[in-house]
Amino acid sequence: MTFWHFISGDPAPYSRIGDLGSLLRRLHALEPPAALQLPNEDILDRVQPRIEKAPIAESDRRFLLRRLDELSDEVAALEYVLPACAVHGDAHIGNVMIADDGAPVLIDFERFAYGQPEWDLGMTATETRTAGWWSDAQYQTFVDAYGFDVTQWSGFQTVQAVHQLKMTTWIMQNVQESQDIADEYDARMRTIRDGLSSTWSPR
């Protein structure tokens, strides 16, 4: 049995990106709950099963598995600058609600774990640098609200590459549903395979 708290409100609009930064700052400052043993965050744990099961070309599958091996080594070598803490695990604006009283509420704690806050922060940074979903001014609002710019950290290139891989393998699972999804998967693959710049569609 689980209990759910009803939030009377609406999904946060993009104009509230600063609220995501503030909510993550508050979350990352909390002491891990003593009565609950949080799992350790495994940032890549879902990627390999997705690649192995997806209805994609074998050449793509081989490439993605090689890329996963490369990034696994890079992640293991990262030297983080922020202290480990409780992390959300899927920290994007779609997981923020605005209650009827105007208060922002962070939702969807399916991936809640103990890990590095750089991964939570890296999601919005990747959405800005890779996907083009945020303007520089909007991203700066997020940074100002949190108090740290993960793109200035030497490990961000790896964090960005991991999020690119995760975002691509997530949509990859649904390539047979429509031509639009198949086209979006192809666009994301061009980015991670060839480094080609293209605006990703939010999905």
N, C-alpha and C. Protein backbone atom coordinates (compact mmCIF):
# COMPACT_ATOMS: atom_id res chain seq x y z
N MET A 1 0.83 -1.18 0.00
CA MET A 1 0.00 0.00 0.00
C MET A 1 0.88 1.24 0.00
N THR A 2 0.53 2.20 -0.81
CA THR A 2 1.22 3.49 -0.79
C THR A 2 0.19 4.60 -0.63
N PHE A 3 0.63 5.73 -0.11
CA PHE A 3 -0.23 6.89 0.08
C PHE A 3 0.28 8.02 -0.79
N TRP A 4 -0.63 8.66 -1.49
CA TRP A 4 -0.28 9.74 -2.40
C TRP A 4 -0.90 11.04 -1.91
N HIS A 5 -0.13 12.09 -1.99
CA HIS A 5 -0.60 13.42 -1.59
C HIS A 5 -1.07 14.16 -2.83
N PHE A 6 -2.32 14.56 -2.86
CA PHE A 6 -2.87 15.27 -4.01
C PHE A 6 -2.40 16.72 -4.01
N ILE A 7 -1.88 17.16 -5.15
CA ILE A 7 -1.44 18.55 -5.30
C ILE A 7 -2.44 19.25 -6.21
N SER A 8 -3.16 20.19 -5.64
CA SER A 8 -4.10 20.99 -6.43
C SER A 8 -3.30 22.11 -7.10
N GLY A 9 -3.11 21.99 -8.40
CA GLY A 9 -2.30 22.96 -9.11
C GLY A 9 -2.08 22.54 -10.54
N ASP A 10 -0.97 23.00 -11.11
CA ASP A 10 -0.67 22.74 -12.52
C ASP A 10 0.82 22.47 -12.69
N PRO A 11 1.19 21.79 -13.79
CA PRO A 11 2.62 21.62 -14.09
C PRO A 11 3.31 22.98 -14.21
N ALA A 12 4.56 23.03 -13.78
CA ALA A 12 5.30 24.29 -13.84
C ALA A 12 5.57 24.69 -15.29
N PRO A 13 5.33 25.94 -15.65
CA PRO A 13 5.71 26.42 -16.98
C PRO A 13 7.22 26.66 -17.04
N TYR A 14 7.74 26.79 -18.25
CA TYR A 14 9.18 27.02 -18.40
C TYR A 14 9.64 28.29 -17.69
N SER A 15 8.74 29.25 -17.54
CA SER A 15 9.12 30.50 -16.89
C SER A 15 9.47 30.31 -15.42
N ARG A 16 9.16 29.13 -14.86
CA ARG A 16 9.45 28.86 -13.45
C ARG A 16 10.71 28.03 -13.28
N ILE A 17 11.64 28.08 -14.23
CA ILE A 17 12.85 27.27 -14.14
C ILE A 17 13.66 27.60 -12.89
N GLY A 18 13.59 28.83 -12.42
CA GLY A 18 14.29 29.19 -11.19
C GLY A 18 13.80 28.39 -9.99
N ASP A 19 12.52 28.02 -10.01
CA ASP A 19 11.99 27.22 -8.91
C ASP A 19 12.63 25.84 -8.85
N LEU A 20 12.95 25.27 -10.02
CA LEU A 20 13.65 23.98 -10.00
C LEU A 20 15.01 24.12 -9.33
N GLY A 21 15.73 25.18 -9.64
CA GLY A 21 17.02 25.40 -8.98
C GLY A 21 16.88 25.56 -7.48
N SER A 22 15.86 26.31 -7.03
CA SER A 22 15.65 26.51 -5.59
C SER A 22 15.27 25.22 -4.90
N LEU A 23 14.39 24.43 -5.53
CA LEU A 23 13.98 23.16 -4.93
C LEU A 23 15.15 22.20 -4.82
N LEU A 24 16.00 22.14 -5.84
CA LEU A 24 17.16 21.26 -5.77
C LEU A 24 18.15 21.72 -4.72
N ARG A 25 18.33 23.02 -4.58
CA ARG A 25 19.22 23.53 -3.53
C ARG A 25 18.73 23.09 -2.16
N ARG A 26 17.43 23.19 -1.92
CA ARG A 26 16.85 22.78 -0.65
C ARG A 26 16.97 21.27 -0.46
N LEU A 27 16.68 20.51 -1.51
CA LEU A 27 16.77 19.05 -1.41
C LEU A 27 18.19 18.61 -1.10
N HIS A 28 19.16 19.17 -1.81
CA HIS A 28 20.55 18.74 -1.64
C HIS A 28 21.13 19.15 -0.29
N ALA A 29 20.50 20.11 0.37
CA ALA A 29 20.98 20.54 1.68
C ALA A 29 20.43 19.69 2.82
N LEU A 30 19.44 18.83 2.53
CA LEU A 30 18.85 18.00 3.57
C LEU A 30 19.79 16.89 4.01
N GLU A 31 19.69 16.54 5.29
CA GLU A 31 20.37 15.36 5.78
C GLU A 31 19.63 14.13 5.26
N PRO A 32 20.34 13.10 4.77
CA PRO A 32 19.64 11.88 4.34
C PRO A 32 18.80 11.32 5.47
N PRO A 33 17.60 10.85 5.20
CA PRO A 33 16.70 10.38 6.27
C PRO A 33 17.30 9.21 7.04
N ALA A 34 17.33 9.34 8.36
CA ALA A 34 17.93 8.30 9.19
C ALA A 34 17.13 7.01 9.16
N ALA A 35 15.80 7.13 9.01
CA ALA A 35 14.94 5.95 9.07
C ALA A 35 14.81 5.25 7.72
N LEU A 36 15.46 5.79 6.70
CA LEU A 36 15.34 5.22 5.35
C LEU A 36 16.72 5.08 4.74
N GLN A 37 17.06 3.87 4.35
CA GLN A 37 18.34 3.61 3.71
C GLN A 37 18.20 3.87 2.21
N LEU A 38 18.71 5.00 1.77
CA LEU A 38 18.61 5.32 0.35
C LEU A 38 19.58 4.46 -0.46
N PRO A 39 19.16 4.01 -1.64
CA PRO A 39 20.11 3.31 -2.51
C PRO A 39 21.15 4.28 -3.03
N ASN A 40 22.31 3.77 -3.37
CA ASN A 40 23.32 4.60 -4.01
C ASN A 40 22.93 4.81 -5.47
N GLU A 41 23.07 6.05 -5.91
CA GLU A 41 22.70 6.36 -7.28
C GLU A 41 23.59 5.62 -8.27
N ASP A 42 22.97 5.01 -9.26
CA ASP A 42 23.69 4.36 -10.36
C ASP A 42 23.19 5.04 -11.63
N ILE A 43 23.93 6.02 -12.09
CA ILE A 43 23.44 6.91 -13.12
C ILE A 43 23.21 6.22 -14.46
N LEU A 44 23.88 5.10 -14.69
CA LEU A 44 23.79 4.43 -15.99
C LEU A 44 23.04 3.10 -15.95
N ASP A 45 22.38 2.79 -14.84
CA ASP A 45 21.88 1.42 -14.66
C ASP A 45 20.79 1.02 -15.65
N ARG A 46 20.04 1.96 -16.18
CA ARG A 46 18.94 1.62 -17.09
C ARG A 46 19.35 1.62 -18.56
N VAL A 47 20.56 2.07 -18.83
CA VAL A 47 20.93 2.30 -20.23
C VAL A 47 21.14 0.99 -20.99
N GLN A 48 21.92 0.08 -20.44
CA GLN A 48 22.22 -1.16 -21.17
C GLN A 48 20.96 -1.97 -21.48
N PRO A 49 20.04 -2.19 -20.53
CA PRO A 49 18.82 -2.92 -20.88
C PRO A 49 18.02 -2.25 -21.98
N ARG A 50 17.98 -0.93 -21.98
CA ARG A 50 17.28 -0.23 -23.05
C ARG A 50 17.92 -0.52 -24.41
N ILE A 51 19.25 -0.44 -24.46
CA ILE A 51 19.95 -0.66 -25.73
C ILE A 51 19.72 -2.09 -26.22
N GLU A 52 19.81 -3.04 -25.31
CA GLU A 52 19.69 -4.44 -25.71
C GLU A 52 18.30 -4.80 -26.22
N LYS A 53 17.27 -4.13 -25.72
CA LYS A 53 15.89 -4.48 -26.07
C LYS A 53 15.31 -3.62 -27.18
N ALA A 54 15.92 -2.50 -27.49
CA ALA A 54 15.30 -1.53 -28.40
C ALA A 54 15.24 -2.02 -29.84
N PRO A 55 14.18 -1.64 -30.58
CA PRO A 55 14.05 -2.03 -31.98
C PRO A 55 14.83 -1.07 -32.89
N ILE A 56 16.15 -1.19 -32.85
CA ILE A 56 17.03 -0.28 -33.60
C ILE A 56 17.99 -1.11 -34.46
N ALA A 57 18.67 -0.41 -35.36
CA ALA A 57 19.65 -1.07 -36.21
C ALA A 57 20.79 -1.64 -35.37
N GLU A 58 21.32 -2.78 -35.78
CA GLU A 58 22.41 -3.41 -35.03
C GLU A 58 23.64 -2.52 -34.98
N SER A 59 23.88 -1.74 -36.02
CA SER A 59 25.02 -0.82 -36.02
C SER A 59 24.85 0.23 -34.92
N ASP A 60 23.62 0.72 -34.73
CA ASP A 60 23.36 1.66 -33.65
C ASP A 60 23.56 0.98 -32.30
N ARG A 61 23.08 -0.24 -32.18
CA ARG A 61 23.20 -0.97 -30.92
C ARG A 61 24.67 -1.15 -30.53
N ARG A 62 25.48 -1.56 -31.50
CA ARG A 62 26.92 -1.74 -31.21
C ARG A 62 27.57 -0.43 -30.82
N PHE A 63 27.24 0.63 -31.54
CA PHE A 63 27.81 1.94 -31.21
C PHE A 63 27.42 2.37 -29.79
N LEU A 64 26.15 2.24 -29.46
CA LEU A 64 25.68 2.69 -28.15
C LEU A 64 26.28 1.87 -27.02
N LEU A 65 26.46 0.59 -27.22
CA LEU A 65 27.09 -0.23 -26.19
C LEU A 65 28.56 0.16 -26.00
N ARG A 66 29.25 0.46 -27.10
CA ARG A 66 30.64 0.94 -26.98
C ARG A 66 30.68 2.27 -26.24
N ARG A 67 29.75 3.16 -26.60
CA ARG A 67 29.71 4.47 -25.94
C ARG A 67 29.41 4.32 -24.46
N LEU A 68 28.54 3.39 -24.11
CA LEU A 68 28.24 3.13 -22.71
C LEU A 68 29.49 2.68 -21.96
N ASP A 69 30.28 1.79 -22.56
CA ASP A 69 31.52 1.33 -21.92
C ASP A 69 32.48 2.50 -21.70
N GLU A 70 32.60 3.36 -22.73
CA GLU A 70 33.50 4.51 -22.61
C GLU A 70 33.06 5.44 -21.48
N LEU A 71 31.77 5.73 -21.44
CA LEU A 71 31.27 6.66 -20.43
C LEU A 71 31.30 6.05 -19.04
N SER A 72 31.13 4.74 -18.93
CA SER A 72 31.24 4.09 -17.62
C SER A 72 32.62 4.31 -17.03
N ASP A 73 33.65 4.21 -17.87
CA ASP A 73 35.02 4.45 -17.41
C ASP A 73 35.20 5.91 -17.02
N GLU A 74 34.65 6.82 -17.81
CA GLU A 74 34.78 8.25 -17.50
C GLU A 74 34.08 8.60 -16.19
N VAL A 75 32.89 8.03 -15.98
CA VAL A 75 32.15 8.30 -14.75
C VAL A 75 32.94 7.80 -13.54
N ALA A 76 33.55 6.64 -13.65
CA ALA A 76 34.32 6.08 -12.54
C ALA A 76 35.51 6.96 -12.17
N ALA A 77 36.01 7.73 -13.14
CA ALA A 77 37.19 8.56 -12.90
C ALA A 77 36.85 10.00 -12.49
N LEU A 78 35.58 10.35 -12.41
CA LEU A 78 35.19 11.72 -12.09
C LEU A 78 35.63 12.11 -10.67
N GLU A 79 36.06 13.35 -10.53
CA GLU A 79 36.37 13.93 -9.23
C GLU A 79 35.35 15.03 -8.96
N TYR A 80 34.40 14.73 -8.11
CA TYR A 80 33.29 15.66 -7.86
C TYR A 80 33.73 16.81 -6.96
N VAL A 81 33.03 17.93 -7.08
CA VAL A 81 33.37 19.11 -6.28
C VAL A 81 32.29 19.42 -5.23
N LEU A 82 31.11 18.86 -5.39
CA LEU A 82 30.03 19.08 -4.42
C LEU A 82 29.91 17.85 -3.51
N PRO A 83 29.49 18.05 -2.27
CA PRO A 83 29.35 16.90 -1.36
C PRO A 83 28.20 16.00 -1.77
N ALA A 84 28.37 14.70 -1.57
CA ALA A 84 27.30 13.74 -1.85
C ALA A 84 26.11 14.04 -0.93
N CYS A 85 24.92 13.69 -1.42
CA CYS A 85 23.71 14.03 -0.68
C CYS A 85 22.54 13.22 -1.24
N ALA A 86 21.37 13.47 -0.73
CA ALA A 86 20.15 12.91 -1.32
C ALA A 86 19.89 13.63 -2.63
N VAL A 87 19.68 12.86 -3.70
CA VAL A 87 19.47 13.45 -5.02
C VAL A 87 18.14 12.97 -5.60
N HIS A 88 17.57 13.78 -6.46
CA HIS A 88 16.26 13.47 -7.03
C HIS A 88 16.35 12.35 -8.05
N GLY A 89 17.31 12.44 -8.96
CA GLY A 89 17.51 11.39 -9.95
C GLY A 89 16.82 11.61 -11.28
N ASP A 90 15.88 12.55 -11.35
CA ASP A 90 15.21 12.86 -12.61
C ASP A 90 14.77 14.32 -12.55
N ALA A 91 15.74 15.20 -12.37
CA ALA A 91 15.47 16.59 -12.01
C ALA A 91 15.28 17.47 -13.24
N HIS A 92 14.04 17.54 -13.73
CA HIS A 92 13.74 18.44 -14.84
C HIS A 92 12.44 19.17 -14.54
N ILE A 93 12.15 20.21 -15.32
CA ILE A 93 11.01 21.08 -15.03
C ILE A 93 9.69 20.32 -15.09
N GLY A 94 9.64 19.23 -15.83
CA GLY A 94 8.43 18.44 -15.88
C GLY A 94 8.08 17.76 -14.57
N ASN A 95 9.02 17.74 -13.64
CA ASN A 95 8.77 17.16 -12.33
C ASN A 95 8.60 18.23 -11.25
N VAL A 96 8.14 19.39 -11.68
CA VAL A 96 7.77 20.46 -10.75
C VAL A 96 6.31 20.82 -10.98
N MET A 97 5.56 20.87 -9.90
CA MET A 97 4.18 21.33 -9.93
C MET A 97 4.10 22.70 -9.24
N ILE A 98 3.18 23.52 -9.70
CA ILE A 98 2.89 24.78 -9.02
C ILE A 98 1.53 24.65 -8.36
N ALA A 99 1.51 24.63 -7.04
CA ALA A 99 0.26 24.49 -6.31
C ALA A 99 -0.60 25.73 -6.49
N ASP A 100 -1.86 25.60 -6.14
CA ASP A 100 -2.79 26.71 -6.32
C ASP A 100 -2.37 27.96 -5.55
N ASP A 101 -1.61 27.79 -4.47
CA ASP A 101 -1.15 28.95 -3.72
C ASP A 101 0.14 29.54 -4.29
N GLY A 102 0.62 28.97 -5.42
CA GLY A 102 1.81 29.48 -6.08
C GLY A 102 3.10 28.81 -5.68
N ALA A 103 3.06 27.93 -4.69
CA ALA A 103 4.27 27.28 -4.20
C ALA A 103 4.71 26.17 -5.15
N PRO A 104 6.00 26.11 -5.49
CA PRO A 104 6.51 25.02 -6.32
C PRO A 104 6.69 23.75 -5.50
N VAL A 105 6.39 22.61 -6.10
CA VAL A 105 6.50 21.33 -5.41
C VAL A 105 7.24 20.35 -6.32
N LEU A 106 8.28 19.73 -5.80
CA LEU A 106 9.04 18.73 -6.55
C LEU A 106 8.33 17.38 -6.45
N ILE A 107 8.13 16.71 -7.58
CA ILE A 107 7.40 15.45 -7.59
C ILE A 107 8.25 14.36 -8.24
N ASP A 108 7.72 13.14 -8.24
CA ASP A 108 8.30 11.98 -8.93
C ASP A 108 9.66 11.59 -8.35
N PHE A 109 9.62 10.92 -7.21
CA PHE A 109 10.85 10.52 -6.53
C PHE A 109 11.20 9.05 -6.79
N GLU A 110 10.83 8.57 -7.96
CA GLU A 110 11.12 7.18 -8.32
C GLU A 110 12.61 6.88 -8.27
N ARG A 111 13.44 7.85 -8.62
CA ARG A 111 14.89 7.64 -8.69
C ARG A 111 15.62 8.26 -7.49
N PHE A 112 14.90 8.60 -6.43
CA PHE A 112 15.48 9.21 -5.24
C PHE A 112 16.58 8.31 -4.70
N ALA A 113 17.76 8.89 -4.45
CA ALA A 113 18.91 8.08 -4.05
C ALA A 113 19.94 8.95 -3.36
N TYR A 114 21.02 8.31 -2.94
CA TYR A 114 22.16 9.02 -2.36
C TYR A 114 23.24 9.07 -3.42
N GLY A 115 23.66 10.28 -3.78
CA GLY A 115 24.63 10.39 -4.86
C GLY A 115 25.19 11.79 -4.99
N GLN A 116 25.56 12.14 -6.20
CA GLN A 116 26.21 13.41 -6.46
C GLN A 116 25.23 14.41 -7.07
N PRO A 117 25.13 15.61 -6.48
CA PRO A 117 24.20 16.61 -7.01
C PRO A 117 24.55 17.09 -8.41
N GLU A 118 25.81 16.90 -8.82
CA GLU A 118 26.18 17.30 -10.18
C GLU A 118 25.30 16.65 -11.25
N TRP A 119 24.80 15.44 -10.96
CA TRP A 119 23.94 14.76 -11.93
C TRP A 119 22.57 15.42 -12.03
N ASP A 120 21.99 15.82 -10.89
CA ASP A 120 20.73 16.55 -10.92
C ASP A 120 20.88 17.86 -11.68
N LEU A 121 21.93 18.59 -11.39
CA LEU A 121 22.15 19.89 -12.03
C LEU A 121 22.48 19.73 -13.51
N GLY A 122 23.14 18.64 -13.84
CA GLY A 122 23.56 18.42 -15.21
C GLY A 122 22.41 18.21 -16.18
N MET A 123 21.24 17.83 -15.67
CA MET A 123 20.09 17.63 -16.54
C MET A 123 19.69 18.93 -17.22
N THR A 124 19.44 19.98 -16.44
CA THR A 124 19.04 21.27 -17.03
C THR A 124 20.17 21.85 -17.86
N ALA A 125 21.40 21.66 -17.43
CA ALA A 125 22.53 22.15 -18.21
C ALA A 125 22.61 21.47 -19.57
N THR A 126 22.35 20.16 -19.61
CA THR A 126 22.36 19.43 -20.88
C THR A 126 21.17 19.84 -21.74
N GLU A 127 20.02 20.05 -21.13
CA GLU A 127 18.86 20.52 -21.88
C GLU A 127 19.15 21.87 -22.52
N THR A 128 20.04 22.65 -21.91
CA THR A 128 20.42 23.96 -22.46
C THR A 128 21.49 23.81 -23.53
N ARG A 129 22.59 23.13 -23.19
CA ARG A 129 23.75 23.07 -24.08
C ARG A 129 23.54 22.15 -25.28
N THR A 130 22.83 21.04 -25.08
CA THR A 130 22.63 20.07 -26.15
C THR A 130 21.30 20.26 -26.85
N ALA A 131 20.22 20.27 -26.07
CA ALA A 131 18.88 20.23 -26.66
C ALA A 131 18.35 21.59 -27.08
N GLY A 132 18.89 22.66 -26.50
CA GLY A 132 18.42 23.99 -26.85
C GLY A 132 17.06 24.33 -26.29
N TRP A 133 16.68 23.70 -25.16
CA TRP A 133 15.35 23.91 -24.59
C TRP A 133 15.29 25.14 -23.69
N TRP A 134 16.46 25.66 -23.31
CA TRP A 134 16.51 26.84 -22.44
C TRP A 134 17.43 27.88 -23.08
N SER A 135 17.06 29.15 -22.95
CA SER A 135 17.94 30.23 -23.38
C SER A 135 19.06 30.40 -22.34
N ASP A 136 20.09 31.14 -22.72
CA ASP A 136 21.17 31.41 -21.76
C ASP A 136 20.62 32.13 -20.53
N ALA A 137 19.69 33.05 -20.74
CA ALA A 137 19.12 33.81 -19.62
C ALA A 137 18.32 32.90 -18.70
N GLN A 138 17.55 31.98 -19.28
CA GLN A 138 16.79 31.04 -18.45
C GLN A 138 17.72 30.12 -17.66
N TYR A 139 18.77 29.66 -18.32
CA TYR A 139 19.71 28.79 -17.61
C TYR A 139 20.38 29.56 -16.47
N GLN A 140 20.70 30.83 -16.70
CA GLN A 140 21.33 31.63 -15.64
C GLN A 140 20.38 31.81 -14.46
N THR A 141 19.08 31.90 -14.73
CA THR A 141 18.10 31.97 -13.65
C THR A 141 18.16 30.70 -12.80
N PHE A 142 18.26 29.56 -13.45
CA PHE A 142 18.39 28.28 -12.75
C PHE A 142 19.67 28.27 -11.90
N VAL A 143 20.78 28.69 -12.49
CA VAL A 143 22.07 28.71 -11.79
C VAL A 143 22.01 29.63 -10.58
N ASP A 144 21.46 30.83 -10.77
CA ASP A 144 21.38 31.79 -9.67
C ASP A 144 20.53 31.24 -8.52
N ALA A 145 19.47 30.53 -8.86
CA ALA A 145 18.59 29.99 -7.82
C ALA A 145 19.29 28.89 -7.04
N TYR A 146 20.12 28.11 -7.72
CA TYR A 146 20.80 27.01 -7.02
C TYR A 146 22.08 27.49 -6.34
N GLY A 147 22.84 28.33 -7.02
CA GLY A 147 24.09 28.84 -6.46
C GLY A 147 25.34 28.15 -6.96
N PHE A 148 25.23 27.39 -8.03
CA PHE A 148 26.39 26.69 -8.59
C PHE A 148 26.11 26.39 -10.06
N ASP A 149 27.11 26.64 -10.91
CA ASP A 149 26.98 26.37 -12.33
C ASP A 149 27.80 25.12 -12.67
N VAL A 150 27.12 24.02 -12.90
CA VAL A 150 27.79 22.75 -13.13
C VAL A 150 28.59 22.77 -14.44
N THR A 151 28.26 23.65 -15.37
CA THR A 151 28.99 23.70 -16.64
C THR A 151 30.41 24.22 -16.46
N GLN A 152 30.68 24.87 -15.34
CA GLN A 152 32.02 25.39 -15.07
C GLN A 152 32.94 24.35 -14.42
N TRP A 153 32.39 23.21 -14.11
CA TRP A 153 33.16 22.12 -13.49
C TRP A 153 33.83 21.30 -14.59
N SER A 154 35.05 20.85 -14.34
CA SER A 154 35.82 20.12 -15.35
C SER A 154 35.17 18.80 -15.76
N GLY A 155 34.32 18.25 -14.92
CA GLY A 155 33.68 16.98 -15.24
C GLY A 155 32.39 17.11 -16.02
N PHE A 156 31.99 18.34 -16.35
CA PHE A 156 30.68 18.51 -16.98
C PHE A 156 30.59 17.83 -18.34
N GLN A 157 31.66 17.79 -19.10
CA GLN A 157 31.58 17.17 -20.43
C GLN A 157 31.12 15.72 -20.31
N THR A 158 31.61 15.01 -19.30
CA THR A 158 31.17 13.63 -19.09
C THR A 158 29.71 13.59 -18.65
N VAL A 159 29.33 14.46 -17.73
CA VAL A 159 27.94 14.51 -17.28
C VAL A 159 27.01 14.79 -18.45
N GLN A 160 27.39 15.73 -19.30
CA GLN A 160 26.57 16.06 -20.47
C GLN A 160 26.45 14.85 -21.40
N ALA A 161 27.55 14.18 -21.64
CA ALA A 161 27.53 13.02 -22.54
C ALA A 161 26.66 11.90 -21.98
N VAL A 162 26.70 11.71 -20.67
CA VAL A 162 25.85 10.68 -20.04
C VAL A 162 24.38 11.04 -20.19
N HIS A 163 24.04 12.29 -19.93
CA HIS A 163 22.64 12.69 -20.08
C HIS A 163 22.19 12.60 -21.54
N GLN A 164 23.06 12.93 -22.47
CA GLN A 164 22.73 12.77 -23.89
C GLN A 164 22.39 11.30 -24.18
N LEU A 165 23.22 10.40 -23.67
CA LEU A 165 22.99 8.97 -23.89
C LEU A 165 21.69 8.52 -23.26
N LYS A 166 21.43 8.95 -22.03
CA LYS A 166 20.20 8.56 -21.35
C LYS A 166 18.97 9.10 -22.07
N MET A 167 19.02 10.35 -22.49
CA MET A 167 17.88 10.95 -23.18
C MET A 167 17.62 10.29 -24.53
N THR A 168 18.68 9.87 -25.18
CA THR A 168 18.54 9.20 -26.48
C THR A 168 18.01 7.80 -26.32
N THR A 169 18.54 7.06 -25.36
CA THR A 169 18.09 5.68 -25.18
C THR A 169 16.69 5.62 -24.58
N TRP A 170 16.24 6.68 -23.92
CA TRP A 170 14.87 6.72 -23.43
C TRP A 170 13.89 6.80 -24.61
N ILE A 171 14.14 7.75 -25.51
CA ILE A 171 13.22 7.90 -26.65
C ILE A 171 13.37 6.74 -27.64
N MET A 172 14.52 6.13 -27.66
CA MET A 172 14.82 5.01 -28.56
C MET A 172 13.85 3.84 -28.35
N GLN A 173 13.35 3.69 -27.14
CA GLN A 173 12.45 2.58 -26.84
C GLN A 173 11.13 2.66 -27.61
N ASN A 174 10.81 3.86 -28.12
CA ASN A 174 9.49 4.09 -28.73
C ASN A 174 9.58 4.45 -30.20
N VAL A 175 10.67 4.08 -30.87
CA VAL A 175 10.85 4.50 -32.26
C VAL A 175 9.81 3.93 -33.21
N GLN A 176 9.17 2.85 -32.83
CA GLN A 176 8.17 2.25 -33.71
C GLN A 176 6.78 2.87 -33.54
N GLU A 177 6.63 3.78 -32.59
CA GLU A 177 5.31 4.36 -32.34
C GLU A 177 4.91 5.39 -33.39
N SER A 178 5.86 6.15 -33.91
CA SER A 178 5.53 7.17 -34.91
C SER A 178 6.79 7.59 -35.65
N GLN A 179 6.60 8.19 -36.82
CA GLN A 179 7.73 8.69 -37.59
C GLN A 179 8.40 9.87 -36.89
N ASP A 180 7.60 10.67 -36.19
CA ASP A 180 8.17 11.81 -35.46
C ASP A 180 9.17 11.33 -34.41
N ILE A 181 8.83 10.27 -33.69
CA ILE A 181 9.75 9.74 -32.68
C ILE A 181 10.98 9.14 -33.34
N ALA A 182 10.78 8.42 -34.44
CA ALA A 182 11.92 7.86 -35.16
C ALA A 182 12.86 8.95 -35.66
N ASP A 183 12.30 10.05 -36.15
CA ASP A 183 13.11 11.17 -36.63
C ASP A 183 13.87 11.83 -35.48
N GLU A 184 13.20 11.94 -34.33
CA GLU A 184 13.85 12.54 -33.17
C GLU A 184 15.00 11.66 -32.69
N TYR A 185 14.80 10.37 -32.68
CA TYR A 185 15.88 9.44 -32.32
C TYR A 185 17.07 9.62 -33.27
N ASP A 186 16.80 9.71 -34.56
CA ASP A 186 17.88 9.90 -35.54
C ASP A 186 18.64 11.20 -35.28
N ALA A 187 17.91 12.27 -34.95
CA ALA A 187 18.55 13.56 -34.68
C ALA A 187 19.46 13.47 -33.46
N ARG A 188 19.00 12.79 -32.43
CA ARG A 188 19.81 12.65 -31.22
C ARG A 188 21.03 11.77 -31.47
N MET A 189 20.86 10.74 -32.28
CA MET A 189 22.00 9.89 -32.61
C MET A 189 23.05 10.66 -33.40
N ARG A 190 22.63 11.56 -34.28
CA ARG A 190 23.61 12.36 -35.02
C ARG A 190 24.42 13.22 -34.07
N THR A 191 23.78 13.68 -33.00
CA THR A 191 24.51 14.49 -32.02
C THR A 191 25.54 13.68 -31.27
N ILE A 192 25.15 12.53 -30.75
CA ILE A 192 26.09 11.79 -29.91
C ILE A 192 27.10 10.99 -30.74
N ARG A 193 26.75 10.64 -31.98
CA ARG A 193 27.70 9.89 -32.81
C ARG A 193 28.66 10.82 -33.53
N ASP A 194 28.14 11.91 -34.10
CA ASP A 194 28.93 12.76 -34.98
C ASP A 194 29.20 14.15 -34.41
N GLY A 195 28.61 14.44 -33.25
CA GLY A 195 28.80 15.77 -32.67
C GLY A 195 28.08 16.87 -33.41
N LEU A 196 27.10 16.51 -34.24
CA LEU A 196 26.38 17.50 -35.03
C LEU A 196 25.37 18.22 -34.15
N SER A 197 25.31 19.53 -34.27
CA SER A 197 24.40 20.33 -33.47
C SER A 197 23.01 20.31 -34.09
N SER A 198 22.02 20.02 -33.28
CA SER A 198 20.63 20.09 -33.74
C SER A 198 19.75 20.30 -32.51
N THR A 199 18.66 21.02 -32.70
CA THR A 199 17.74 21.24 -31.59
C THR A 199 16.88 20.01 -31.38
N TRP A 200 16.93 19.48 -30.18
CA TRP A 200 16.13 18.29 -29.86
C TRP A 200 14.71 18.72 -29.49
N SER A 201 13.75 17.92 -29.88
CA SER A 201 12.36 18.21 -29.51
C SER A 201 12.09 17.67 -28.11
N PRO A 202 11.47 18.48 -27.24
CA PRO A 202 11.12 17.97 -25.91
C PRO A 202 10.10 16.85 -26.01
N ARG A 203 10.39 15.71 -25.36
CA ARG A 203 9.47 14.58 -25.36
C ARG A 203 9.54 13.87 -24.02
